[in-house]
Protein backbone atom coordinates (compact mmCIF):
# COMPACT_ATOMS: atom_id res chain seq x y z
CA UNK A 1 -51.44 -24.58 -116.14
CA UNK A 2 -51.36 -22.61 -112.61
CA UNK A 3 -47.61 -22.53 -111.24
CA UNK A 4 -47.33 -24.05 -107.90
CA UNK A 5 -44.99 -21.43 -106.81
CA UNK A 6 -45.86 -18.11 -108.30
CA UNK A 7 -44.27 -14.65 -107.84
CA UNK A 8 -45.08 -12.50 -110.63
CA UNK A 9 -43.29 -9.07 -110.72
CA UNK A 10 -44.35 -6.31 -113.14
CA UNK A 11 -41.47 -5.35 -115.96
CA UNK A 12 -42.37 -1.81 -115.11
CA UNK A 13 -41.41 -2.25 -111.53
CA UNK A 14 -37.85 -2.51 -112.37
CA UNK A 15 -35.85 0.60 -112.17
CA UNK A 16 -33.08 1.39 -114.28
CA UNK A 17 -30.66 0.83 -111.40
CA UNK A 18 -32.38 -2.65 -110.64
CA UNK A 19 -34.03 -4.35 -108.21
CA UNK A 20 -33.60 -7.07 -105.64
CA UNK A 21 -36.03 -9.54 -104.71
CA UNK A 22 -36.28 -12.18 -101.65
CA UNK A 23 -39.08 -14.97 -102.47
CA UNK A 24 -39.86 -17.80 -100.24
CA UNK A 25 -42.09 -20.92 -100.99
CA UNK A 26 -44.87 -21.45 -98.08
CA UNK A 27 -45.94 -24.90 -97.12
CA UNK A 28 -48.27 -25.50 -99.33
CA UNK A 29 -46.29 -24.51 -102.34
CA UNK A 30 -43.68 -26.62 -101.07
CA UNK A 31 -45.74 -29.50 -101.02
CA UNK A 32 -47.11 -29.08 -104.69
CA UNK A 33 -43.61 -28.72 -105.85
CA UNK A 34 -42.42 -31.65 -104.03
CA UNK A 35 -45.20 -33.36 -105.94
CA UNK A 36 -44.66 -32.34 -109.29
CA UNK A 37 -40.82 -33.31 -108.88
CA UNK A 38 -41.27 -36.67 -107.20
CA UNK A 39 -39.62 -35.62 -103.63
CA UNK A 40 -40.99 -36.73 -100.19
CA UNK A 41 -40.72 -33.11 -99.03
CA UNK A 42 -39.43 -29.65 -99.48
CA UNK A 43 -38.44 -28.21 -96.19
CA UNK A 44 -37.14 -24.91 -97.68
CA UNK A 45 -37.05 -22.98 -100.89
CA UNK A 46 -35.85 -19.31 -100.87
CA UNK A 47 -34.41 -17.45 -103.52
CA UNK A 48 -32.70 -13.96 -103.37
CA UNK A 49 -32.70 -12.41 -107.04
CA UNK A 50 -31.42 -9.31 -108.75
CA UNK A 51 -33.45 -7.74 -111.79
CA UNK A 52 -32.05 -5.32 -113.83
CA UNK A 53 -32.79 -3.80 -117.42
CA UNK A 54 -31.35 -5.66 -120.23
CA UNK A 55 -31.09 -4.69 -123.88
CA UNK A 56 -34.46 -3.06 -125.34
CA UNK A 57 -37.18 -3.65 -122.96
CA UNK A 58 -35.80 -7.03 -121.79
CA UNK A 59 -34.68 -7.86 -117.86
CA UNK A 60 -31.91 -9.74 -116.86
CA UNK A 61 -32.68 -11.74 -113.55
CA UNK A 62 -29.70 -13.23 -111.58
CA UNK A 63 -29.19 -14.83 -108.21
CA UNK A 64 -29.39 -17.76 -105.89
CA UNK A 65 -31.90 -20.18 -104.69
CA UNK A 66 -31.52 -22.16 -101.86
CA UNK A 67 -33.58 -25.52 -100.63
CA UNK A 68 -33.56 -28.17 -98.27
CA UNK A 69 -35.47 -31.26 -99.82
CA UNK A 70 -36.36 -35.02 -98.56
CA UNK A 71 -35.80 -37.48 -101.38
CA UNK A 72 -35.71 -41.29 -101.56
CA UNK A 73 -32.34 -43.07 -102.20
CA UNK A 74 -32.40 -45.28 -105.29
CA UNK A 75 -29.90 -47.62 -103.91
CA UNK A 76 -31.73 -48.15 -100.26
CA UNK A 77 -35.22 -46.62 -100.55
CA UNK A 78 -34.27 -44.94 -97.58
CA UNK A 79 -35.74 -41.17 -97.19
CA UNK A 80 -32.76 -38.91 -96.89
CA UNK A 81 -32.73 -34.81 -96.76
CA UNK A 82 -30.12 -32.71 -98.89
CA UNK A 83 -29.48 -29.19 -99.98
CA UNK A 84 -29.41 -27.62 -103.35
CA UNK A 85 -28.25 -24.31 -103.69
CA UNK A 86 -27.38 -22.89 -107.07
CA UNK A 87 -26.60 -19.63 -109.05
CA UNK A 88 -28.80 -18.62 -111.63
CA UNK A 89 -29.14 -16.50 -114.70
CA UNK A 90 -31.90 -15.89 -117.16
CA UNK A 91 -32.69 -13.49 -119.73
CA UNK A 92 -36.12 -12.07 -120.72
CA UNK A 93 -36.66 -10.12 -124.01
CA UNK A 94 -39.48 -7.57 -124.49
CA UNK A 95 -42.35 -9.00 -126.67
CA UNK A 96 -41.67 -6.59 -129.26
CA UNK A 97 -38.13 -5.58 -128.85
CA UNK A 98 -37.13 -3.74 -131.74
CA UNK A 99 -33.81 -4.66 -133.56
CA UNK A 100 -32.62 -7.42 -135.86
CA UNK A 101 -33.09 -10.77 -135.08
CA UNK A 102 -29.47 -12.49 -134.73
CA UNK A 103 -28.53 -15.11 -137.38
CA UNK A 104 -27.28 -18.41 -136.48
CA UNK A 105 -24.18 -19.62 -138.31
CA UNK A 106 -23.47 -22.80 -136.33
CA UNK A 107 -24.49 -24.34 -133.16
CA UNK A 108 -21.46 -22.94 -131.45
CA UNK A 109 -22.50 -19.15 -131.90
CA UNK A 110 -25.68 -19.93 -129.93
CA UNK A 111 -23.56 -19.81 -126.67
CA UNK A 112 -26.45 -19.41 -124.10
CA UNK A 113 -30.00 -20.12 -124.54
CA UNK A 114 -32.23 -17.92 -126.09
CA UNK A 115 -33.96 -15.59 -123.70
CA UNK A 116 -37.46 -16.17 -122.42
CA UNK A 117 -40.35 -13.89 -123.89
CA UNK A 118 -41.76 -11.42 -121.34
CA UNK A 119 -45.60 -12.25 -121.53
CA UNK A 120 -48.27 -10.07 -120.01
CA UNK A 121 -45.46 -7.19 -118.59
CA UNK A 122 -44.88 -9.74 -115.94
CA UNK A 123 -42.19 -12.25 -115.14
CA UNK A 124 -42.83 -14.94 -112.95
CA UNK A 125 -39.71 -15.19 -110.38
CA UNK A 126 -41.26 -18.17 -108.36
CA UNK A 127 -41.55 -20.50 -111.51
CA UNK A 128 -38.12 -19.42 -112.67
CA UNK A 129 -36.72 -20.86 -109.20
CA UNK A 130 -39.42 -23.74 -109.36
CA UNK A 131 -37.56 -24.61 -112.78
CA UNK A 132 -34.02 -24.16 -111.71
CA UNK A 133 -34.62 -26.30 -108.62
CA UNK A 134 -36.23 -28.93 -111.11
CA UNK A 135 -32.83 -29.07 -113.15
CA UNK A 136 -30.87 -29.15 -110.26
CA UNK A 137 -32.59 -32.26 -109.02
CA UNK A 138 -30.37 -35.59 -109.27
CA UNK A 139 -32.45 -38.14 -111.31
CA UNK A 140 -30.67 -40.85 -109.26
CA UNK A 141 -30.44 -39.66 -105.81
CA UNK A 142 -28.20 -41.50 -103.25
CA UNK A 143 -27.87 -41.00 -100.00
CA UNK A 144 -24.48 -39.91 -98.79
CA UNK A 145 -22.15 -42.76 -98.01
CA UNK A 146 -24.47 -45.36 -100.46
CA UNK A 147 -22.43 -47.16 -102.92
CA UNK A 148 -23.77 -49.80 -105.45
CA UNK A 149 -22.43 -53.19 -103.73
CA UNK A 150 -20.50 -55.52 -105.51
CA UNK A 151 -22.27 -58.32 -107.32
CA UNK A 152 -23.87 -60.97 -105.24
CA UNK A 153 -23.03 -64.65 -105.31
CA UNK A 154 -25.76 -65.36 -107.18
CA UNK A 155 -25.15 -62.80 -109.69
CA UNK A 156 -22.02 -64.19 -110.14
CA UNK A 157 -23.23 -67.63 -110.58
CA UNK A 158 -25.93 -66.04 -113.32
CA UNK A 159 -22.63 -64.35 -115.11
CA UNK A 160 -20.81 -67.50 -115.21
CA UNK A 161 -24.13 -69.22 -116.93
CA UNK A 162 -24.25 -66.78 -119.88
CA UNK A 163 -23.26 -67.94 -123.22
CA UNK A 164 -20.47 -65.43 -123.07
CA UNK A 165 -19.00 -67.08 -120.41
CA UNK A 166 -18.86 -70.36 -122.31
CA UNK A 167 -17.24 -68.43 -125.14
CA UNK A 168 -14.63 -66.94 -122.83
CA UNK A 169 -13.81 -70.47 -121.57
CA UNK A 170 -13.08 -71.83 -125.42
CA UNK A 171 -10.78 -68.90 -125.89
CA UNK A 172 -9.20 -69.29 -123.17
CA UNK A 173 -8.30 -73.30 -123.71
CA UNK A 174 -7.42 -72.32 -127.44
CA UNK A 175 -4.79 -70.03 -125.83
CA UNK A 176 -3.45 -72.29 -123.91
CA UNK A 177 -2.87 -75.09 -126.43
CA UNK A 178 -0.87 -72.29 -128.51
C-alpha cells in the first residue's frame, strides 16, 4: 500500500540536538485522505513535528497537527466544516536496537503503546499525521448546535403499542389495587 500522504525522513538525518519538520498535504493528497476517511473534503492539513534521538537508535516524534475538514452531519445529513488540531507523540525503535526486551507483568505496566519499528532507516511523518487525524475523527459527527430531537408523536404511538407498555399498565393497575 502506498500512503496517500507520505513524507519520509531518514533517521540518520536527525542530529543529536533534534530536528523540526513542517509538513503540509497538497490538494491531491488531501483528496485521497478524504476518501480514505470518508470525509467530504480535507481543506487543510499541516503539522509541525520535532524529532529527537530516543534510546538506542530510536526516534521520538512530538508535535501538533492542524486540519480543516468537511464532513456530513449524522443527524441532518448537512455538510459542515470543522477544525481538528491535536498534539501527538510517537516513539520509533531501531530495528535491531540492543538491550533487554521489557517484561510485562500486568496490563497496567504497559503504560504507553509499544514503539513502532523503524523500517528502511526512515520514518513516514505524513502517514504518522494521517493516522493521528484518522484517530481524532468523530465517528458520529454532528453539525454544531444540532442535537437529536425528542421522539415524534409517531414514535410515542409505536412505544405505546409495544408489549412492555401493556405490562406497565398491568403493573400500574395492580399497584393501585393494593
